[in-house]
Amino acid sequence: MKFFNNAETPWNELEDGIRRKVVGHTPQLMSVIMEFDKGAVGTPHSHEIHDQIAYVIAGSFEAIIDGKVRILKVGDAFIAPHHTSHGVTALEEKSMLLDQFSPIREDYLT
């Protein structure tokens, strides 16, 4: 896949007000758009092998990274290397993150 067309790519409905679209991937890098309803929670968790950078492209989030809480707005990001606890709560309707993963999340491709 060499191009991503947002208008032609349907949302993958997850649970509790969260949706995602895989933008694209190579064997070592993946980009994913995540959309959250206001109040939707990305429960704190960590990854065994995946490094993650999440960049806010719409709305705002309360993010908790290794126990530190910050409010992130459009243009802000968090960095969560593997084994780093991270989670978010959407503060506005249709808040969106552009998540980058390395290596790719194989579970997102099924």
N, C-alpha and C. Protein backbone atom coordinates (compact mmCIF):
# COMPACT_ATOMS: atom_id res chain seq x y z
N MET A 1 0.85 -1.18 0.00
CA MET A 1 0.00 0.00 0.00
C MET A 1 0.89 1.24 0.00
N LYS A 2 0.83 2.02 -1.07
CA LYS A 2 1.69 3.19 -1.21
C LYS A 2 1.00 4.49 -0.85
N PHE A 3 -0.34 4.51 -0.87
CA PHE A 3 -1.10 5.71 -0.56
C PHE A 3 -2.22 5.36 0.42
N PHE A 4 -2.60 6.34 1.24
CA PHE A 4 -3.72 6.19 2.16
C PHE A 4 -4.74 7.25 1.80
N ASN A 5 -5.99 6.84 1.59
CA ASN A 5 -7.07 7.76 1.31
C ASN A 5 -8.03 7.72 2.50
N ASN A 6 -8.01 8.76 3.31
CA ASN A 6 -8.80 8.79 4.53
C ASN A 6 -10.29 8.64 4.24
N ALA A 7 -10.80 9.33 3.21
CA ALA A 7 -12.24 9.30 2.90
C ALA A 7 -12.71 7.92 2.49
N GLU A 8 -11.83 7.12 1.92
CA GLU A 8 -12.22 5.78 1.45
C GLU A 8 -11.91 4.67 2.45
N THR A 9 -11.33 5.02 3.58
CA THR A 9 -10.95 4.02 4.58
C THR A 9 -11.93 4.06 5.75
N PRO A 10 -12.67 2.97 5.98
CA PRO A 10 -13.65 2.97 7.08
C PRO A 10 -12.96 2.87 8.44
N TRP A 11 -13.65 3.37 9.45
CA TRP A 11 -13.17 3.22 10.82
C TRP A 11 -13.35 1.78 11.28
N ASN A 12 -12.42 1.29 12.04
CA ASN A 12 -12.54 0.00 12.72
C ASN A 12 -13.03 0.33 14.13
N GLU A 13 -14.29 0.03 14.42
CA GLU A 13 -14.88 0.33 15.74
C GLU A 13 -14.27 -0.60 16.78
N LEU A 14 -13.73 -0.03 17.82
CA LEU A 14 -13.18 -0.82 18.91
C LEU A 14 -14.23 -0.87 20.01
N GLU A 15 -13.88 -0.50 21.20
CA GLU A 15 -14.86 -0.51 22.29
C GLU A 15 -14.83 0.81 23.02
N ASP A 16 -15.90 1.10 23.71
CA ASP A 16 -15.99 2.25 24.61
C ASP A 16 -15.63 3.57 23.94
N GLY A 17 -16.13 3.81 22.72
CA GLY A 17 -15.97 5.11 22.09
C GLY A 17 -14.63 5.36 21.43
N ILE A 18 -13.96 4.30 20.99
CA ILE A 18 -12.66 4.44 20.33
C ILE A 18 -12.72 3.74 18.97
N ARG A 19 -12.14 4.41 17.96
CA ARG A 19 -12.08 3.89 16.60
C ARG A 19 -10.65 4.04 16.07
N ARG A 20 -10.28 3.20 15.06
CA ARG A 20 -8.95 3.35 14.48
C ARG A 20 -8.98 3.09 12.99
N LYS A 21 -7.99 3.69 12.30
CA LYS A 21 -7.71 3.44 10.90
C LYS A 21 -6.20 3.24 10.78
N VAL A 22 -5.79 2.14 10.17
CA VAL A 22 -4.37 1.95 9.88
C VAL A 22 -4.05 2.77 8.64
N VAL A 23 -3.14 3.72 8.79
CA VAL A 23 -2.74 4.60 7.69
C VAL A 23 -1.81 3.87 6.74
N GLY A 24 -0.88 3.13 7.30
CA GLY A 24 0.07 2.38 6.49
C GLY A 24 1.14 1.77 7.37
N HIS A 25 1.94 0.89 6.75
CA HIS A 25 2.99 0.24 7.52
C HIS A 25 4.05 -0.32 6.60
N THR A 26 5.22 -0.48 7.19
CA THR A 26 6.32 -1.24 6.61
C THR A 26 6.59 -2.34 7.63
N PRO A 27 7.55 -3.20 7.42
CA PRO A 27 7.83 -4.22 8.44
C PRO A 27 8.27 -3.64 9.79
N GLN A 28 8.80 -2.42 9.80
CA GLN A 28 9.33 -1.86 11.04
C GLN A 28 8.58 -0.65 11.60
N LEU A 29 7.63 -0.09 10.83
CA LEU A 29 6.96 1.13 11.25
C LEU A 29 5.49 1.10 10.85
N MET A 30 4.62 1.59 11.76
CA MET A 30 3.19 1.63 11.48
C MET A 30 2.62 2.96 11.95
N SER A 31 1.71 3.54 11.14
CA SER A 31 0.97 4.75 11.50
C SER A 31 -0.51 4.40 11.61
N VAL A 32 -1.14 4.89 12.67
CA VAL A 32 -2.54 4.57 12.95
C VAL A 32 -3.24 5.83 13.46
N ILE A 33 -4.41 6.14 12.90
CA ILE A 33 -5.24 7.23 13.42
C ILE A 33 -6.21 6.62 14.43
N MET A 34 -6.25 7.22 15.62
CA MET A 34 -7.18 6.80 16.66
C MET A 34 -8.12 7.96 16.95
N GLU A 35 -9.44 7.69 16.95
CA GLU A 35 -10.44 8.71 17.27
C GLU A 35 -11.19 8.30 18.52
N PHE A 36 -11.41 9.27 19.42
CA PHE A 36 -12.03 9.02 20.72
C PHE A 36 -13.25 9.90 20.91
N ASP A 37 -14.32 9.33 21.45
CA ASP A 37 -15.43 10.14 21.93
C ASP A 37 -14.97 10.86 23.20
N LYS A 38 -15.63 11.96 23.53
CA LYS A 38 -15.30 12.67 24.77
C LYS A 38 -15.45 11.72 25.95
N GLY A 39 -14.43 11.65 26.80
CA GLY A 39 -14.46 10.80 27.97
C GLY A 39 -13.97 9.38 27.74
N ALA A 40 -13.75 9.00 26.47
CA ALA A 40 -13.26 7.65 26.18
C ALA A 40 -11.84 7.50 26.75
N VAL A 41 -11.58 6.31 27.27
CA VAL A 41 -10.31 6.05 27.97
C VAL A 41 -9.51 4.99 27.24
N GLY A 42 -8.28 5.34 26.93
CA GLY A 42 -7.28 4.36 26.51
C GLY A 42 -6.59 3.91 27.79
N THR A 43 -7.03 2.78 28.33
CA THR A 43 -6.58 2.30 29.63
C THR A 43 -5.05 2.20 29.69
N PRO A 44 -4.44 2.68 30.78
CA PRO A 44 -2.98 2.58 30.89
C PRO A 44 -2.50 1.13 30.70
N HIS A 45 -1.44 1.01 29.92
CA HIS A 45 -0.85 -0.29 29.60
C HIS A 45 0.58 -0.06 29.13
N SER A 46 1.30 -1.12 28.87
CA SER A 46 2.64 -1.01 28.28
C SER A 46 2.78 -2.10 27.23
N HIS A 47 3.78 -1.95 26.39
CA HIS A 47 4.04 -2.92 25.32
C HIS A 47 5.35 -3.64 25.60
N GLU A 48 5.38 -4.92 25.30
CA GLU A 48 6.61 -5.70 25.47
C GLU A 48 7.69 -5.32 24.46
N ILE A 49 7.29 -5.13 23.19
CA ILE A 49 8.31 -4.87 22.17
C ILE A 49 8.07 -3.59 21.38
N HIS A 50 6.91 -2.98 21.49
CA HIS A 50 6.57 -1.83 20.65
C HIS A 50 6.91 -0.51 21.31
N ASP A 51 7.67 0.33 20.59
CA ASP A 51 7.84 1.72 20.96
C ASP A 51 6.68 2.47 20.33
N GLN A 52 6.19 3.53 20.99
CA GLN A 52 5.04 4.27 20.49
C GLN A 52 5.25 5.76 20.67
N ILE A 53 4.88 6.52 19.64
CA ILE A 53 4.76 7.96 19.73
C ILE A 53 3.34 8.30 19.33
N ALA A 54 2.64 9.08 20.15
CA ALA A 54 1.26 9.47 19.87
C ALA A 54 1.21 10.99 19.76
N TYR A 55 0.81 11.48 18.58
CA TYR A 55 0.77 12.90 18.26
C TYR A 55 -0.69 13.34 18.16
N VAL A 56 -1.06 14.39 18.89
CA VAL A 56 -2.45 14.86 18.92
C VAL A 56 -2.74 15.65 17.64
N ILE A 57 -3.73 15.17 16.86
CA ILE A 57 -4.10 15.85 15.62
C ILE A 57 -5.46 16.54 15.71
N ALA A 58 -6.23 16.27 16.76
CA ALA A 58 -7.51 16.95 16.99
C ALA A 58 -7.89 16.82 18.46
N GLY A 59 -8.58 17.81 18.98
CA GLY A 59 -9.07 17.74 20.36
C GLY A 59 -7.96 17.85 21.39
N SER A 60 -8.17 17.18 22.51
CA SER A 60 -7.18 17.20 23.59
C SER A 60 -7.34 15.95 24.45
N PHE A 61 -6.29 15.64 25.19
CA PHE A 61 -6.24 14.44 26.02
C PHE A 61 -5.58 14.73 27.35
N GLU A 62 -6.01 13.99 28.37
CA GLU A 62 -5.23 13.87 29.59
C GLU A 62 -4.42 12.60 29.40
N ALA A 63 -3.11 12.73 29.43
CA ALA A 63 -2.24 11.58 29.22
C ALA A 63 -1.50 11.26 30.51
N ILE A 64 -1.34 9.98 30.79
CA ILE A 64 -0.55 9.55 31.93
C ILE A 64 0.57 8.63 31.40
N ILE A 65 1.79 9.03 31.62
CA ILE A 65 2.96 8.30 31.15
C ILE A 65 3.85 8.05 32.36
N ASP A 66 4.05 6.78 32.67
CA ASP A 66 4.86 6.41 33.85
C ASP A 66 4.46 7.18 35.10
N GLY A 67 3.14 7.35 35.29
CA GLY A 67 2.63 8.01 36.49
C GLY A 67 2.58 9.52 36.42
N LYS A 68 3.10 10.13 35.36
CA LYS A 68 3.07 11.59 35.22
C LYS A 68 1.89 11.97 34.32
N VAL A 69 1.10 12.94 34.78
CA VAL A 69 -0.11 13.37 34.06
C VAL A 69 0.15 14.71 33.39
N ARG A 70 -0.27 14.80 32.13
CA ARG A 70 -0.16 16.05 31.37
C ARG A 70 -1.40 16.20 30.49
N ILE A 71 -1.78 17.43 30.22
CA ILE A 71 -2.82 17.72 29.24
C ILE A 71 -2.11 17.95 27.91
N LEU A 72 -2.55 17.21 26.88
CA LEU A 72 -1.96 17.33 25.55
C LEU A 72 -2.99 17.92 24.60
N LYS A 73 -2.58 18.93 23.84
CA LYS A 73 -3.44 19.59 22.86
C LYS A 73 -2.87 19.37 21.47
N VAL A 74 -3.59 19.83 20.45
CA VAL A 74 -3.15 19.66 19.06
C VAL A 74 -1.69 20.12 18.92
N GLY A 75 -0.88 19.25 18.33
CA GLY A 75 0.54 19.53 18.14
C GLY A 75 1.42 18.95 19.21
N ASP A 76 0.84 18.50 20.32
CA ASP A 76 1.60 17.86 21.40
C ASP A 76 1.68 16.36 21.15
N ALA A 77 2.57 15.70 21.87
CA ALA A 77 2.74 14.25 21.71
C ALA A 77 3.26 13.64 23.00
N PHE A 78 3.15 12.32 23.08
CA PHE A 78 3.86 11.59 24.14
C PHE A 78 4.68 10.50 23.48
N ILE A 79 5.76 10.14 24.16
CA ILE A 79 6.66 9.09 23.70
C ILE A 79 6.65 8.00 24.75
N ALA A 80 6.35 6.76 24.32
CA ALA A 80 6.29 5.62 25.24
C ALA A 80 7.14 4.48 24.68
N PRO A 81 8.43 4.45 25.04
CA PRO A 81 9.22 3.29 24.65
C PRO A 81 8.62 2.01 25.25
N HIS A 82 8.98 0.85 24.70
CA HIS A 82 8.43 -0.40 25.23
C HIS A 82 8.70 -0.48 26.74
N HIS A 83 7.80 -1.15 27.45
CA HIS A 83 7.81 -1.29 28.91
C HIS A 83 7.46 0.00 29.65
N THR A 84 6.96 1.02 28.96
CA THR A 84 6.57 2.28 29.60
C THR A 84 5.05 2.34 29.68
N SER A 85 4.52 2.48 30.88
CA SER A 85 3.08 2.56 31.08
C SER A 85 2.56 3.88 30.48
N HIS A 86 1.44 3.79 29.72
CA HIS A 86 0.86 4.97 29.10
C HIS A 86 -0.63 4.77 28.88
N GLY A 87 -1.38 5.86 28.97
CA GLY A 87 -2.81 5.83 28.73
C GLY A 87 -3.33 7.24 28.53
N VAL A 88 -4.55 7.36 27.99
CA VAL A 88 -5.14 8.68 27.73
C VAL A 88 -6.62 8.68 28.04
N THR A 89 -7.14 9.88 28.29
CA THR A 89 -8.57 10.13 28.38
C THR A 89 -8.87 11.31 27.47
N ALA A 90 -9.83 11.15 26.55
CA ALA A 90 -10.20 12.22 25.63
C ALA A 90 -10.99 13.29 26.37
N LEU A 91 -10.58 14.54 26.21
CA LEU A 91 -11.25 15.66 26.88
C LEU A 91 -12.27 16.36 25.98
N GLU A 92 -12.26 16.04 24.68
CA GLU A 92 -13.19 16.66 23.73
C GLU A 92 -13.72 15.58 22.79
N GLU A 93 -14.90 15.85 22.22
CA GLU A 93 -15.48 14.94 21.23
C GLU A 93 -14.58 14.88 20.00
N LYS A 94 -14.43 13.66 19.45
CA LYS A 94 -13.62 13.42 18.24
C LYS A 94 -12.17 13.84 18.41
N SER A 95 -11.64 13.64 19.60
CA SER A 95 -10.20 13.85 19.81
C SER A 95 -9.45 12.75 19.06
N MET A 96 -8.34 13.12 18.42
CA MET A 96 -7.63 12.16 17.58
C MET A 96 -6.13 12.16 17.84
N LEU A 97 -5.57 10.94 17.79
CA LEU A 97 -4.13 10.73 17.87
C LEU A 97 -3.64 10.10 16.58
N LEU A 98 -2.45 10.48 16.17
CA LEU A 98 -1.73 9.74 15.14
C LEU A 98 -0.68 8.93 15.88
N ASP A 99 -0.90 7.63 15.99
CA ASP A 99 0.02 6.74 16.70
C ASP A 99 1.05 6.17 15.72
N GLN A 100 2.29 6.14 16.15
CA GLN A 100 3.38 5.54 15.39
C GLN A 100 3.92 4.39 16.24
N PHE A 101 4.07 3.23 15.63
CA PHE A 101 4.58 2.05 16.34
C PHE A 101 5.79 1.48 15.61
N SER A 102 6.75 1.03 16.39
CA SER A 102 7.89 0.30 15.84
C SER A 102 8.24 -0.81 16.82
N PRO A 103 8.30 -2.06 16.38
CA PRO A 103 7.87 -2.53 15.06
C PRO A 103 6.35 -2.46 14.93
N ILE A 104 5.83 -2.92 13.79
CA ILE A 104 4.39 -2.80 13.55
C ILE A 104 3.58 -3.64 14.52
N ARG A 105 2.32 -3.26 14.71
CA ARG A 105 1.38 -3.99 15.53
C ARG A 105 0.68 -5.01 14.62
N GLU A 106 1.17 -6.22 14.60
CA GLU A 106 0.56 -7.27 13.78
C GLU A 106 -0.91 -7.47 14.14
N ASP A 107 -1.26 -7.29 15.43
CA ASP A 107 -2.64 -7.49 15.86
C ASP A 107 -3.59 -6.47 15.23
N TYR A 108 -3.11 -5.33 14.76
CA TYR A 108 -3.94 -4.33 14.11
C TYR A 108 -4.27 -4.70 12.66
N LEU A 109 -3.59 -5.69 12.11
CA LEU A 109 -3.78 -6.07 10.72
C LEU A 109 -4.81 -7.18 10.53
N THR A 110 -5.35 -7.72 11.62
CA THR A 110 -6.32 -8.81 11.50
C THR A 110 -7.74 -8.29 11.62
